[in-house]
Amino acid sequence: MSRPPVAVAESLLAFWAEAGVDAALLETPVDRIAEGQIARPPRAPVQISPEPGPRATRSQPIALDAARQIALACQDLEALASAIASFEGCPLRFEGAASRAVFSRGRADADVVVIGEAPGAEEDRTGLPFVGKAGKMLDRMLHAIGLEERVFITNTVFWRPPGNRTPTPEEQLVCKPFVEQAIRLVRPRLLLLVGAPATRSLLDQTEGINRLHGRWFEWRTADGDLEIPALPTFHPAFLMRTPSAKAMAWSDLKIFAERLNRPSRP
């Protein structure tokens, strides 16, 4: 027996709300199926100027070089936060995010650095990472293994991507020197990478999170002067959409806590 249209619509709206969709792009609905059946004339090729404008240069190597120099010059987290707030080399800063950057929360001397994907709507509003529904779930996960007071939390990018889309590798790359410097300044014992985008960015992996979660990797700074064990696991937002994965995430957390709490060798 099919579900009533109203029930289907309510279920779909609930899914969108949980996924972080909080704004409509159009005032009225559009029948995309019918629209797709209309033949359209071929589009003329787009002519790209060989001279990039100011916005285009933000994703060029010059922005990455500037990010590296700026990040390395920061000798504490306060200076790093200020540098990120004024950095204009990441295109996300100009694509609908609030004026403030979303850098971090937690302890400056944390045993663990937790790295997620990108700020969402609530993070964009408050200027703090992981404070929305997914953030509250992350806090519960950390509390369950006794880490709620032992973490420093950040993301691979510091501005909310439009529509909560996944940040591109280029956007993550230009922010990576700041993430690396944050880890260098905190000097944690372990890294917890939540979600596939964070795992791919920090570990340069191409496999999906289903293959990578629960496995130990060695994260290294670009110059190789610092090496820290890192464990990927599922993003809380994914767990909210896929409750069947919670058992695997809990297993990952137990593996992580066991290593963190393992007595140090004399």
C-alpha atoms as a PDB file:
ATOM      1  CA  MET A   1       0.000   0.000   0.000  1.00  0.00           C
ATOM      2  CA  SER A   2       1.503   3.340  -1.049  1.00  0.00           C
ATOM      3  CA  ARG A   3       1.993   6.131   1.463  1.00  0.00           C
ATOM      4  CA  PRO A   4      -0.209   9.252   1.231  1.00  0.00           C
ATOM      5  CA  PRO A   5       1.481  12.159  -0.630  1.00  0.00           C
ATOM      6  CA  VAL A   6       1.417  14.298   2.536  1.00  0.00           C
ATOM      7  CA  ALA A   7       3.299  11.633   4.508  1.00  0.00           C
ATOM      8  CA  VAL A   8       5.880  11.318   1.737  1.00  0.00           C
ATOM      9  CA  ALA A   9       6.372  15.093   1.676  1.00  0.00           C
ATOM     10  CA  GLU A  10       6.707  15.284   5.463  1.00  0.00           C
ATOM     11  CA  SER A  11       9.280  12.475   5.449  1.00  0.00           C
ATOM     12  CA  LEU A  12      11.296  14.201   2.722  1.00  0.00           C
ATOM     13  CA  LEU A  13      11.208  17.542   4.540  1.00  0.00           C
ATOM     14  CA  ALA A  14      12.379  15.865   7.749  1.00  0.00           C
ATOM     15  CA  PHE A  15      15.299  14.287   5.875  1.00  0.00           C
ATOM     16  CA  TRP A  16      16.294  17.644   4.364  1.00  0.00           C
ATOM     17  CA  ALA A  17      16.097  19.400   7.742  1.00  0.00           C
ATOM     18  CA  GLU A  18      18.298  16.743   9.382  1.00  0.00           C
ATOM     19  CA  ALA A  19      20.797  17.059   6.529  1.00  0.00           C
ATOM     20  CA  GLY A  20      21.099  20.803   7.238  1.00  0.00           C
ATOM     21  CA  VAL A  21      18.982  22.252   4.418  1.00  0.00           C
ATOM     22  CA  ASP A  22      17.580  25.469   5.835  1.00  0.00           C
ATOM     23  CA  ALA A  23      16.754  27.627   2.809  1.00  0.00           C
ATOM     24  CA  ALA A  24      14.808  27.293  -0.445  1.00  0.00           C
ATOM     25  CA  LEU A  25      16.445  28.399  -3.675  1.00  0.00           C
ATOM     26  CA  LEU A  26      13.159  29.196  -5.448  1.00  0.00           C
ATOM     27  CA  GLU A  27       9.840  30.637  -4.304  1.00  0.00           C
ATOM     28  CA  THR A  28       7.758  28.140  -6.307  1.00  0.00           C
ATOM     29  CA  PRO A  29       8.322  24.420  -7.064  1.00  0.00           C
ATOM     30  CA  VAL A  30       9.636  23.360 -10.482  1.00  0.00           C
ATOM     31  CA  ASP A  31       8.784  20.081 -12.219  1.00  0.00           C
ATOM     32  CA  ARG A  32      12.316  19.093 -13.227  1.00  0.00           C
ATOM     33  CA  ILE A  33      11.129  15.878 -14.912  1.00  0.00           C
ATOM     34  CA  ALA A  34       8.850  17.759 -17.291  1.00  0.00           C
ATOM     35  CA  GLU A  35      11.442  20.459 -17.768  1.00  0.00           C
ATOM     36  CA  GLY A  36      14.043  17.864 -18.736  1.00  0.00           C
ATOM     37  CA  GLN A  37      11.863  16.633 -21.591  1.00  0.00           C
ATOM     38  CA  ILE A  38      12.012  19.988 -23.354  1.00  0.00           C
ATOM     39  CA  ALA A  39      14.659  20.111 -26.065  1.00  0.00           C
ATOM     40  CA  ARG A  40      17.041  22.987 -25.550  1.00  0.00           C
ATOM     41  CA  PRO A  41      19.245  24.682 -28.157  1.00  0.00           C
ATOM     42  CA  PRO A  42      22.963  23.925 -27.883  1.00  0.00           C
ATOM     43  CA  ARG A  43      24.887  26.332 -25.702  1.00  0.00           C
ATOM     44  CA  ALA A  44      27.614  28.426 -27.207  1.00  0.00           C
ATOM     45  CA  PRO A  45      31.098  27.587 -25.930  1.00  0.00           C
ATOM     46  CA  VAL A  46      32.252  29.742 -23.060  1.00  0.00           C
ATOM     47  CA  GLN A  47      35.296  31.849 -23.783  1.00  0.00           C
ATOM     48  CA  ILE A  48      37.681  31.918 -20.836  1.00  0.00           C
ATOM     49  CA  SER A  49      40.012  34.855 -20.560  1.00  0.00           C
ATOM     50  CA  PRO A  50      43.678  33.920 -20.112  1.00  0.00           C
ATOM     51  CA  GLU A  51      43.967  36.688 -17.532  1.00  0.00           C
ATOM     52  CA  PRO A  52      42.301  35.549 -14.268  1.00  0.00           C
ATOM     53  CA  GLY A  53      40.450  38.142 -12.229  1.00  0.00           C
ATOM     54  CA  PRO A  54      40.993  38.738  -8.507  1.00  0.00           C
ATOM     55  CA  ARG A  55      38.524  35.997  -7.472  1.00  0.00           C
ATOM     56  CA  ALA A  56      40.175  33.350  -9.691  1.00  0.00           C
ATOM     57  CA  THR A  57      43.641  33.976  -8.281  1.00  0.00           C
ATOM     58  CA  ARG A  58      42.465  32.917  -4.812  1.00  0.00           C
ATOM     59  CA  SER A  59      42.625  29.240  -5.849  1.00  0.00           C
ATOM     60  CA  GLN A  60      46.003  29.547  -7.555  1.00  0.00           C
ATOM     61  CA  PRO A  61      49.329  28.392  -6.067  1.00  0.00           C
ATOM     62  CA  ILE A  62      50.035  31.939  -4.900  1.00  0.00           C
ATOM     63  CA  ALA A  63      47.194  31.637  -2.358  1.00  0.00           C
ATOM     64  CA  LEU A  64      48.576  28.348  -1.055  1.00  0.00           C
ATOM     65  CA  ASP A  65      52.067  29.810  -0.722  1.00  0.00           C
ATOM     66  CA  ALA A  66      50.641  32.781   1.165  1.00  0.00           C
ATOM     67  CA  ALA A  67      48.675  30.458   3.469  1.00  0.00           C
ATOM     68  CA  ARG A  68      51.839  28.510   4.293  1.00  0.00           C
ATOM     69  CA  GLN A  69      53.815  31.640   5.116  1.00  0.00           C
ATOM     70  CA  ILE A  70      51.036  33.177   7.187  1.00  0.00           C
ATOM     71  CA  ALA A  71      50.338  29.969   9.111  1.00  0.00           C
ATOM     72  CA  LEU A  72      53.981  29.257   9.938  1.00  0.00           C
ATOM     73  CA  ALA A  73      54.379  32.793  11.293  1.00  0.00           C
ATOM     74  CA  CYS A  74      51.695  32.158  13.938  1.00  0.00           C
ATOM     75  CA  GLN A  75      53.264  31.085  17.220  1.00  0.00           C
ATOM     76  CA  ASP A  76      50.043  30.520  19.187  1.00  0.00           C
ATOM     77  CA  LEU A  77      46.432  29.620  18.518  1.00  0.00           C
ATOM     78  CA  GLU A  78      45.172  33.148  19.104  1.00  0.00           C
ATOM     79  CA  ALA A  79      47.453  34.478  16.375  1.00  0.00           C
ATOM     80  CA  LEU A  80      46.418  31.609  14.109  1.00  0.00           C
ATOM     81  CA  ALA A  81      42.712  32.362  14.639  1.00  0.00           C
ATOM     82  CA  SER A  82      43.319  36.015  13.786  1.00  0.00           C
ATOM     83  CA  ALA A  83      45.280  35.071  10.663  1.00  0.00           C
ATOM     84  CA  ILE A  84      42.503  32.771   9.468  1.00  0.00           C
ATOM     85  CA  ALA A  85      39.881  35.460  10.083  1.00  0.00           C
ATOM     86  CA  SER A  86      41.712  37.884   7.805  1.00  0.00           C
ATOM     87  CA  PHE A  87      42.802  35.348   5.162  1.00  0.00           C
ATOM     88  CA  GLU A  88      41.217  35.948   1.740  1.00  0.00           C
ATOM     89  CA  GLY A  89      42.799  33.107  -0.216  1.00  0.00           C
ATOM     90  CA  CYS A  90      39.943  30.599   0.211  1.00  0.00           C
ATOM     91  CA  PRO A  91      37.026  31.169  -2.201  1.00  0.00           C
ATOM     92  CA  LEU A  92      34.529  29.954   0.419  1.00  0.00           C
ATOM     93  CA  ARG A  93      34.981  33.217   2.284  1.00  0.00           C
ATOM     94  CA  PHE A  94      33.226  35.000  -0.581  1.00  0.00           C
ATOM     95  CA  GLU A  95      30.517  32.435  -1.362  1.00  0.00           C
ATOM     96  CA  GLY A  96      27.794  33.108   1.176  1.00  0.00           C
ATOM     97  CA  ALA A  97      29.425  32.400   4.537  1.00  0.00           C
ATOM     98  CA  ALA A  98      29.014  34.829   7.418  1.00  0.00           C
ATOM     99  CA  SER A  99      31.700  37.448   7.885  1.00  0.00           C
ATOM    100  CA  ARG A 100      33.389  35.480  10.677  1.00  0.00           C
ATOM    101  CA  ALA A 101      35.599  32.446  10.159  1.00  0.00           C
ATOM    102  CA  VAL A 102      34.834  29.243  12.068  1.00  0.00           C
ATOM    103  CA  PHE A 103      38.125  28.014  13.512  1.00  0.00           C
ATOM    104  CA  SER A 104      38.052  25.959  16.691  1.00  0.00           C
ATOM    105  CA  ARG A 105      36.783  25.121  20.133  1.00  0.00           C
ATOM    106  CA  GLY A 106      38.318  23.073  22.933  1.00  0.00           C
ATOM    107  CA  ARG A 107      41.599  22.916  24.810  1.00  0.00           C
ATOM    108  CA  ALA A 108      44.816  24.437  23.520  1.00  0.00           C
ATOM    109  CA  ASP A 109      46.761  21.620  25.226  1.00  0.00           C
ATOM    110  CA  ALA A 110      44.438  18.820  24.138  1.00  0.00           C
ATOM    111  CA  ASP A 111      45.433  15.170  23.956  1.00  0.00           C
ATOM    112  CA  VAL A 112      43.296  14.811  20.830  1.00  0.00           C
ATOM    113  CA  VAL A 113      42.631  17.007  17.808  1.00  0.00           C
ATOM    114  CA  VAL A 114      39.288  16.217  16.153  1.00  0.00           C
ATOM    115  CA  ILE A 115      39.013  17.322  12.525  1.00  0.00           C
ATOM    116  CA  GLY A 116      35.744  17.425  10.624  1.00  0.00           C
ATOM    117  CA  GLU A 117      34.641  18.554   7.201  1.00  0.00           C
ATOM    118  CA  ALA A 118      33.291  22.113   7.193  1.00  0.00           C
ATOM    119  CA  PRO A 119      31.072  24.492   9.176  1.00  0.00           C
ATOM    120  CA  GLY A 120      27.300  24.219   8.779  1.00  0.00           C
ATOM    121  CA  ALA A 121      24.523  26.743   9.308  1.00  0.00           C
ATOM    122  CA  GLU A 122      24.712  26.844  13.111  1.00  0.00           C
ATOM    123  CA  GLU A 123      28.503  26.991  13.050  1.00  0.00           C
ATOM    124  CA  ASP A 124      28.361  29.818  10.526  1.00  0.00           C
ATOM    125  CA  ARG A 125      26.029  31.717  12.867  1.00  0.00           C
ATOM    126  CA  THR A 126      28.029  31.196  16.080  1.00  0.00           C
ATOM    127  CA  GLY A 127      31.588  31.090  14.767  1.00  0.00           C
ATOM    128  CA  LEU A 128      32.277  27.759  16.532  1.00  0.00           C
ATOM    129  CA  PRO A 129      32.712  24.304  14.939  1.00  0.00           C
ATOM    130  CA  PHE A 130      30.430  21.352  15.671  1.00  0.00           C
ATOM    131  CA  VAL A 131      27.693  23.127  17.624  1.00  0.00           C
ATOM    132  CA  GLY A 132      24.653  22.054  15.591  1.00  0.00           C
ATOM    133  CA  LYS A 133      22.879  18.700  15.722  1.00  0.00           C
ATOM    134  CA  ALA A 134      25.933  16.836  14.435  1.00  0.00           C
ATOM    135  CA  GLY A 135      28.106  18.686  16.944  1.00  0.00           C
ATOM    136  CA  LYS A 136      25.900  17.690  19.851  1.00  0.00           C
ATOM    137  CA  MET A 137      26.147  14.089  18.704  1.00  0.00           C
ATOM    138  CA  LEU A 138      29.928  14.409  18.469  1.00  0.00           C
ATOM    139  CA  ASP A 139      29.997  15.698  22.050  1.00  0.00           C
ATOM    140  CA  ARG A 140      27.989  12.675  23.183  1.00  0.00           C
ATOM    141  CA  MET A 141      30.383  10.372  21.346  1.00  0.00           C
ATOM    142  CA  LEU A 142      33.399  12.007  22.985  1.00  0.00           C
ATOM    143  CA  HIS A 143      31.714  11.922  26.392  1.00  0.00           C
ATOM    144  CA  ALA A 144      31.082   8.190  25.996  1.00  0.00           C
ATOM    145  CA  ILE A 145      34.842   7.542  25.826  1.00  0.00           C
ATOM    146  CA  GLY A 146      35.796  10.168  28.397  1.00  0.00           C
ATOM    147  CA  LEU A 147      37.267  12.706  25.976  1.00  0.00           C
ATOM    148  CA  GLU A 148      34.895  15.660  26.204  1.00  0.00           C
ATOM    149  CA  GLU A 149      37.463  17.712  28.171  1.00  0.00           C
ATOM    150  CA  ARG A 150      40.544  16.491  26.285  1.00  0.00           C
ATOM    151  CA  VAL A 151      39.919  17.638  22.716  1.00  0.00           C
ATOM    152  CA  PHE A 152      40.585  20.487  20.313  1.00  0.00           C
ATOM    153  CA  ILE A 153      38.023  20.575  17.482  1.00  0.00           C
ATOM    154  CA  THR A 154      38.373  22.137  14.038  1.00  0.00           C
ATOM    155  CA  ASN A 155      37.532  21.500  10.355  1.00  0.00           C
ATOM    156  CA  THR A 156      39.354  21.174   7.042  1.00  0.00           C
ATOM    157  CA  VAL A 157      37.917  24.561   5.937  1.00  0.00           C
ATOM    158  CA  PHE A 158      36.836  27.549   7.991  1.00  0.00           C
ATOM    159  CA  TRP A 159      33.883  28.940   6.040  1.00  0.00           C
ATOM    160  CA  ARG A 160      30.535  27.306   5.327  1.00  0.00           C
ATOM    161  CA  PRO A 161      30.258  25.951   1.764  1.00  0.00           C
ATOM    162  CA  PRO A 162      27.099  27.114  -0.049  1.00  0.00           C
ATOM    163  CA  GLY A 163      24.199  24.765   0.598  1.00  0.00           C
ATOM    164  CA  ASN A 164      26.341  22.737   3.009  1.00  0.00           C
ATOM    165  CA  ARG A 165      28.020  21.042   0.061  1.00  0.00           C
ATOM    166  CA  THR A 166      31.246  19.117   0.556  1.00  0.00           C
ATOM    167  CA  PRO A 167      34.297  21.395   0.300  1.00  0.00           C
ATOM    168  CA  THR A 168      36.359  20.832  -2.815  1.00  0.00           C
ATOM    169  CA  PRO A 169      39.913  19.442  -2.599  1.00  0.00           C
ATOM    170  CA  GLU A 170      41.160  22.851  -3.757  1.00  0.00           C
ATOM    171  CA  GLU A 171      39.334  24.636  -0.937  1.00  0.00           C
ATOM    172  CA  GLN A 172      40.688  22.152   1.582  1.00  0.00           C
ATOM    173  CA  LEU A 173      44.206  22.450   0.183  1.00  0.00           C
ATOM    174  CA  VAL A 174      44.419  26.223   0.617  1.00  0.00           C
ATOM    175  CA  CYS A 175      43.216  25.886   4.236  1.00  0.00           C
ATOM    176  CA  LYS A 176      45.485  22.916   4.979  1.00  0.00           C
ATOM    177  CA  PRO A 177      48.509  24.962   6.154  1.00  0.00           C
ATOM    178  CA  PHE A 178      46.337  26.489   8.902  1.00  0.00           C
ATOM    179  CA  VAL A 179      45.027  23.070   9.968  1.00  0.00           C
ATOM    180  CA  GLU A 180      48.583  21.751  10.025  1.00  0.00           C
ATOM    181  CA  GLN A 181      49.813  24.682  12.103  1.00  0.00           C
ATOM    182  CA  ALA A 182      46.951  24.210  14.564  1.00  0.00           C
ATOM    183  CA  ILE A 183      48.002  20.595  15.059  1.00  0.00           C
ATOM    184  CA  ARG A 184      51.630  21.651  15.410  1.00  0.00           C
ATOM    185  CA  LEU A 185      50.731  24.214  18.093  1.00  0.00           C
ATOM    186  CA  VAL A 186      48.439  21.874  20.069  1.00  0.00           C
ATOM    187  CA  ARG A 187      50.827  18.899  19.801  1.00  0.00           C
ATOM    188  CA  PRO A 188      48.170  16.248  20.499  1.00  0.00           C
ATOM    189  CA  ARG A 189      48.890  12.592  21.070  1.00  0.00           C
ATOM    190  CA  LEU A 190      46.299  11.426  18.515  1.00  0.00           C
ATOM    191  CA  LEU A 191      44.108  12.718  15.703  1.00  0.00           C
ATOM    192  CA  LEU A 192      40.465  11.713  15.222  1.00  0.00           C
ATOM    193  CA  LEU A 193      39.296  12.349  11.647  1.00  0.00           C
ATOM    194  CA  VAL A 194      35.515  12.377  11.297  1.00  0.00           C
ATOM    195  CA  GLY A 195      34.128  11.729   7.835  1.00  0.00           C
ATOM    196  CA  ALA A 196      35.513  10.957   4.405  1.00  0.00           C
ATOM    197  CA  PRO A 197      36.368  14.560   3.359  1.00  0.00           C
ATOM    198  CA  ALA A 198      38.536  15.127   6.442  1.00  0.00           C
ATOM    199  CA  THR A 199      40.194  11.736   6.049  1.00  0.00           C
ATOM    200  CA  ARG A 200      40.971  12.275   2.379  1.00  0.00           C
ATOM    201  CA  SER A 201      42.326  15.757   3.013  1.00  0.00           C
ATOM    202  CA  LEU A 202      44.545  14.953   5.987  1.00  0.00           C
ATOM    203  CA  LEU A 203      45.774  11.524   4.899  1.00  0.00           C
ATOM    204  CA  ASP A 204      45.724  11.965   1.100  1.00  0.00           C
ATOM    205  CA  GLN A 205      43.592   8.827   0.792  1.00  0.00           C
ATOM    206  CA  THR A 206      41.240   8.031  -2.073  1.00  0.00           C
ATOM    207  CA  GLU A 207      39.278   5.145  -0.532  1.00  0.00           C
ATOM    208  CA  GLY A 208      35.864   5.653   1.038  1.00  0.00           C
ATOM    209  CA  ILE A 209      35.260   5.939   4.769  1.00  0.00           C
ATOM    210  CA  ASN A 210      33.725   2.450   4.856  1.00  0.00           C
ATOM    211  CA  ARG A 211      37.174   1.053   4.068  1.00  0.00           C
ATOM    212  CA  LEU A 212      39.230   3.538   6.075  1.00  0.00           C
ATOM    213  CA  HIS A 213      37.353   3.795   9.365  1.00  0.00           C
ATOM    214  CA  GLY A 214      38.850   2.104  12.401  1.00  0.00           C
ATOM    215  CA  ARG A 215      42.322   1.803  10.821  1.00  0.00           C
ATOM    216  CA  TRP A 216      45.395   3.581  12.144  1.00  0.00           C
ATOM    217  CA  PHE A 217      47.401   5.852   9.863  1.00  0.00           C
ATOM    218  CA  GLU A 218      50.375   8.139  10.420  1.00  0.00           C
ATOM    219  CA  TRP A 219      49.701  11.801   9.710  1.00  0.00           C
ATOM    220  CA  ARG A 220      52.761  13.926   8.926  1.00  0.00           C
ATOM    221  CA  THR A 221      53.353  17.626   8.462  1.00  0.00           C
ATOM    222  CA  ALA A 222      54.355  18.720   4.973  1.00  0.00           C
ATOM    223  CA  ASP A 223      57.988  19.097   6.069  1.00  0.00           C
ATOM    224  CA  GLY A 224      57.942  15.800   7.982  1.00  0.00           C
ATOM    225  CA  ASP A 225      58.954  17.329  11.327  1.00  0.00           C
ATOM    226  CA  LEU A 226      55.865  16.020  13.171  1.00  0.00           C
ATOM    227  CA  GLU A 227      54.148  12.639  12.960  1.00  0.00           C
ATOM    228  CA  ILE A 228      50.963  11.712  14.841  1.00  0.00           C
ATOM    229  CA  PRO A 229      48.764   8.578  14.714  1.00  0.00           C
ATOM    230  CA  ALA A 230      45.359   9.281  13.168  1.00  0.00           C
ATOM    231  CA  LEU A 231      42.147   7.252  13.172  1.00  0.00           C
ATOM    232  CA  PRO A 232      39.295   7.920  10.712  1.00  0.00           C
ATOM    233  CA  THR A 233      35.678   7.320  11.714  1.00  0.00           C
ATOM    234  CA  PHE A 234      32.206   8.269  10.524  1.00  0.00           C
ATOM    235  CA  HIS A 235      30.921  11.835  10.644  1.00  0.00           C
ATOM    236  CA  PRO A 236      28.119  12.359  13.184  1.00  0.00           C
ATOM    237  CA  ALA A 237      25.862  13.769  10.445  1.00  0.00           C
ATOM    238  CA  PHE A 238      26.243  10.501   8.549  1.00  0.00           C
ATOM    239  CA  LEU A 239      25.418   8.522  11.681  1.00  0.00           C
ATOM    240  CA  MET A 240      22.255  10.574  12.131  1.00  0.00           C
ATOM    241  CA  ARG A 241      21.176   9.603   8.616  1.00  0.00           C
ATOM    242  CA  THR A 242      22.466   6.016   8.874  1.00  0.00           C
ATOM    243  CA  PRO A 243      21.862   4.634  12.374  1.00  0.00           C
ATOM    244  CA  SER A 244      23.030   1.179  11.256  1.00  0.00           C
ATOM    245  CA  ALA A 245      26.604   2.550  11.128  1.00  0.00           C
ATOM    246  CA  LYS A 246      26.604   3.551  14.812  1.00  0.00           C
ATOM    247  CA  ALA A 247      27.900   0.148  15.944  1.00  0.00           C
ATOM    248  CA  MET A 248      30.936   0.528  13.670  1.00  0.00           C
ATOM    249  CA  ALA A 249      31.537   4.071  14.917  1.00  0.00           C
ATOM    250  CA  TRP A 250      31.366   2.874  18.531  1.00  0.00           C
ATOM    251  CA  SER A 251      33.935   0.174  17.729  1.00  0.00           C
ATOM    252  CA  ASP A 252      36.192   2.867  16.216  1.00  0.00           C
ATOM    253  CA  LEU A 253      35.883   4.991  19.353  1.00  0.00           C
ATOM    254  CA  LYS A 254      36.769   2.082  21.616  1.00  0.00           C
ATOM    255  CA  ILE A 255      39.873   1.401  19.512  1.00  0.00           C
ATOM    256  CA  PHE A 256      40.767   5.084  19.730  1.00  0.00           C
ATOM    257  CA  ALA A 257      40.257   5.342  23.516  1.00  0.00           C
ATOM    258  CA  GLU A 258      42.238   2.158  24.147  1.00  0.00           C
ATOM    259  CA  ARG A 259      45.285   3.546  22.370  1.00  0.00           C
ATOM    260  CA  LEU A 260      44.956   6.983  23.953  1.00  0.00           C
ATOM    261  CA  ASN A 261      44.709   5.542  27.454  1.00  0.00           C
ATOM    262  CA  ARG A 262      47.389   2.912  26.941  1.00  0.00           C
ATOM    263  CA  PRO A 263      50.124   3.322  29.580  1.00  0.00           C
ATOM    264  CA  SER A 264      53.220   5.000  28.231  1.00  0.00           C
ATOM    265  CA  ARG A 265      56.318   2.881  27.976  1.00  0.00           C
ATOM    266  CA  PRO A 266      59.071   3.787  30.446  1.00  0.00           C
END
